[in-house]
Amino acid sequence: MKKYASKLICTLACALLILTDQLTKNWIAANLKGRDNIVWIKNVFELEYLENNGAAFSSFMGKQGFLITLTIIVTVIAVFEFVRIPESKRYGWLHAAFTLLISGALGNLIDRVKQGYVVDFFYFVPINFPRFNVADICVTLAVPIFLILFFFVYKEEETEFLFKFKKTEKTSE
């Protein structure tokens, strides 16, 4: 059991993050769709219901088939690589980054498949920042963690196991 402890913890964290994402989106849809924003901090932070038919910053608008396919591919690769991470404290942050990436991808994938759009709702008013959700936060946190780990923490040989596929040797006849 100890051999797979971090993967089990990450899997439970992934399920909790996806559940949080879905519950917040459902609550927002039930309470804000067609209604005024909820102001948390006047002129700073609000909750606003938005149906996003695209991806980040409303890119790929109306391309749900493409986005679903891309998300499935990225998620399958991420899960495959996550499973290959060694069980070691040295790779704790790498486990966390993959957990965040997979959670965010699946959270928004559920919306795309179920409704054909993603529900976004967090809104920073002063900079008119695009609306986002819990799944977006997960993906956004994963990216800088990956960058820091790969550029400043791990040596190249410490991550050789990632994205490496076993080659079959050809025999000469």
Protein backbone atom coordinates (compact mmCIF):
# COMPACT_ATOMS: atom_id res chain seq x y z
CA MET A 1 0.00 0.00 0.00
CA LYS A 2 2.79 2.43 0.89
CA LYS A 3 4.24 1.86 -2.57
CA TYR A 4 1.26 3.63 -4.13
CA ALA A 5 0.41 6.08 -1.32
CA SER A 6 1.14 9.29 -3.23
CA LYS A 7 -0.76 8.08 -6.29
CA LEU A 8 -3.76 7.19 -4.11
CA ILE A 9 -3.64 10.59 -2.40
CA CYS A 10 -3.37 12.32 -5.77
CA THR A 11 -6.26 10.30 -7.17
CA LEU A 12 -8.43 11.28 -4.20
CA ALA A 13 -7.32 14.91 -4.57
CA CYS A 14 -8.19 14.75 -8.26
CA ALA A 15 -11.68 13.44 -7.46
CA LEU A 16 -12.14 16.16 -4.83
CA LEU A 17 -11.01 18.92 -7.22
CA ILE A 18 -13.34 17.66 -9.97
CA LEU A 19 -16.21 17.45 -7.48
CA THR A 20 -15.48 20.99 -6.25
CA ASP A 21 -15.36 22.24 -9.84
CA GLN A 22 -18.66 20.59 -10.76
CA LEU A 23 -20.45 21.63 -7.56
CA THR A 24 -19.39 25.27 -7.94
CA LYS A 25 -20.45 25.33 -11.59
CA ASN A 26 -23.81 23.75 -10.75
CA TRP A 27 -24.35 26.22 -7.91
CA ILE A 28 -23.48 29.16 -10.16
CA ALA A 29 -25.81 27.91 -12.91
CA ALA A 30 -28.67 27.42 -10.44
CA ASN A 31 -28.20 30.76 -8.72
CA LEU A 32 -26.82 33.17 -11.33
CA LYS A 33 -28.02 32.10 -14.76
CA GLY A 34 -30.15 35.00 -15.99
CA ARG A 35 -29.54 36.99 -12.81
CA ASP A 36 -27.30 39.81 -11.63
CA ASN A 37 -23.72 39.14 -10.56
CA ILE A 38 -22.85 38.44 -6.96
CA VAL A 39 -20.45 41.15 -5.82
CA TRP A 40 -17.89 39.91 -3.31
CA ILE A 41 -15.64 42.98 -3.36
CA LYS A 42 -17.17 46.01 -5.06
CA ASN A 43 -15.35 46.98 -8.28
CA VAL A 44 -12.83 44.17 -7.69
CA PHE A 45 -14.25 40.64 -7.61
CA GLU A 46 -17.60 39.22 -8.69
CA LEU A 47 -19.28 35.96 -9.56
CA GLU A 48 -20.83 36.14 -13.02
CA TYR A 49 -22.43 33.27 -14.93
CA LEU A 50 -20.93 32.75 -18.38
CA GLU A 51 -21.27 29.93 -20.90
CA ASN A 52 -17.90 29.57 -22.64
CA ASN A 53 -18.14 27.76 -26.00
CA GLY A 54 -14.37 27.99 -26.48
CA ALA A 55 -11.17 27.44 -24.55
CA ALA A 56 -8.89 29.80 -22.63
CA PHE A 57 -9.63 33.46 -23.32
CA SER A 58 -12.53 32.32 -25.56
CA SER A 59 -10.18 30.86 -28.16
CA PHE A 60 -11.50 28.07 -30.43
CA MET A 61 -15.08 29.32 -30.07
CA GLY A 62 -17.61 26.73 -31.22
CA LYS A 63 -14.94 24.05 -31.79
CA GLN A 64 -16.28 21.64 -29.16
CA GLY A 65 -15.39 18.49 -31.10
CA PHE A 66 -11.79 19.61 -31.45
CA LEU A 67 -11.58 20.70 -27.80
CA ILE A 68 -13.09 17.43 -26.55
CA THR A 69 -10.70 15.37 -28.69
CA LEU A 70 -7.68 17.44 -27.64
CA THR A 71 -8.65 17.23 -23.97
CA ILE A 72 -9.08 13.46 -24.12
CA ILE A 73 -5.67 13.06 -25.80
CA VAL A 74 -3.91 15.34 -23.30
CA THR A 75 -5.64 13.64 -20.36
CA VAL A 76 -4.77 10.13 -21.52
CA ILE A 77 -1.12 11.13 -21.98
CA ALA A 78 -1.09 12.90 -18.59
CA VAL A 79 -2.57 9.87 -16.80
CA PHE A 80 -0.09 7.56 -18.57
CA GLU A 81 2.82 9.75 -17.48
CA PHE A 82 1.42 10.24 -13.96
CA VAL A 83 1.39 6.48 -13.41
CA ARG A 84 5.07 6.32 -14.41
CA ILE A 85 6.26 8.85 -11.82
CA PRO A 86 8.40 7.15 -9.17
CA GLU A 87 7.02 6.94 -5.64
CA SER A 88 9.49 9.28 -3.98
CA LYS A 89 9.28 12.53 -2.05
CA ARG A 90 11.53 13.96 -4.75
CA TYR A 91 8.61 13.73 -7.17
CA GLY A 92 5.88 15.01 -4.86
CA TRP A 93 5.45 18.29 -6.71
CA LEU A 94 5.41 16.45 -10.04
CA HIS A 95 2.58 14.27 -8.72
CA ALA A 96 0.78 17.46 -7.65
CA ALA A 97 1.24 19.15 -11.03
CA PHE A 98 -0.15 16.16 -12.91
CA THR A 99 -3.03 15.95 -10.41
CA LEU A 100 -3.93 19.59 -11.07
CA LEU A 101 -3.62 19.22 -14.84
CA ILE A 102 -5.75 16.07 -14.98
CA SER A 103 -8.36 17.50 -12.58
CA GLY A 104 -8.71 20.71 -14.57
CA ALA A 105 -8.88 18.92 -17.91
CA LEU A 106 -11.53 16.47 -16.70
CA GLY A 107 -13.56 19.18 -14.93
CA ASN A 108 -13.96 21.17 -18.13
CA LEU A 109 -14.30 18.04 -20.27
CA ILE A 110 -17.35 17.02 -18.24
CA ASP A 111 -18.98 20.37 -19.08
CA ARG A 112 -18.12 20.20 -22.77
CA VAL A 113 -19.52 16.68 -23.14
CA LYS A 114 -22.57 17.24 -20.92
CA GLN A 115 -23.66 20.70 -22.10
CA GLY A 116 -21.53 21.74 -25.06
CA TYR A 117 -19.94 24.63 -23.13
CA VAL A 118 -17.96 25.31 -19.97
CA VAL A 119 -19.44 27.35 -17.14
CA ASP A 120 -17.11 30.17 -16.07
CA PHE A 121 -17.86 32.52 -13.21
CA PHE A 122 -14.92 34.09 -11.35
CA TYR A 123 -14.49 37.66 -12.57
CA PHE A 124 -11.85 40.28 -11.67
CA VAL A 125 -13.52 43.57 -12.50
CA PRO A 126 -10.66 46.14 -12.55
CA ILE A 127 -8.76 44.40 -15.33
CA ASN A 128 -11.82 42.91 -17.03
CA PHE A 129 -10.10 39.53 -16.80
CA PRO A 130 -11.82 36.69 -18.68
CA ARG A 131 -14.14 34.66 -16.49
CA PHE A 132 -12.76 31.35 -15.23
CA ASN A 133 -13.62 28.43 -12.97
CA VAL A 134 -12.06 25.93 -10.55
CA ALA A 135 -10.89 23.63 -13.37
CA ASP A 136 -9.16 26.59 -15.05
CA ILE A 137 -7.40 27.40 -11.77
CA CYS A 138 -6.12 23.82 -11.59
CA VAL A 139 -4.66 23.92 -15.10
CA THR A 140 -3.25 27.41 -14.56
CA LEU A 141 -1.48 26.31 -11.37
CA ALA A 142 -0.13 23.14 -13.01
CA VAL A 143 1.69 24.96 -15.81
CA PRO A 144 4.05 27.10 -13.68
CA ILE A 145 4.71 24.15 -11.38
CA PHE A 146 5.78 22.08 -14.40
CA LEU A 147 7.95 24.92 -15.67
CA ILE A 148 9.67 25.45 -12.32
CA LEU A 149 10.24 21.72 -11.86
CA PHE A 150 11.64 21.11 -15.33
CA PHE A 151 13.76 24.26 -15.55
CA PHE A 152 14.98 24.67 -11.96
CA VAL A 153 14.47 21.54 -9.88
CA TYR A 154 15.03 18.34 -11.82
CA LYS A 155 18.10 17.42 -13.75
CA GLU A 156 17.43 15.98 -17.19
CA GLU A 157 18.25 12.44 -16.11
CA GLU A 158 15.72 12.67 -13.26
CA THR A 159 12.86 12.96 -15.73
CA GLU A 160 14.06 10.60 -18.45
CA PHE A 161 11.14 8.29 -17.64
CA LEU A 162 8.65 10.86 -18.88
CA PHE A 163 7.44 10.81 -22.48
CA LYS A 164 9.79 7.98 -23.30
CA PHE A 165 8.41 4.99 -25.05
CA LYS A 166 10.08 1.64 -25.17
CA LYS A 167 11.77 1.03 -28.50
CA THR A 168 11.80 -2.41 -29.95
CA GLU A 169 15.15 -3.58 -31.16
CA LYS A 170 15.40 -4.82 -34.70
CA THR A 171 17.34 -7.96 -35.32
CA SER A 172 19.56 -8.13 -38.35
CA GLU A 173 19.08 -11.02 -40.69
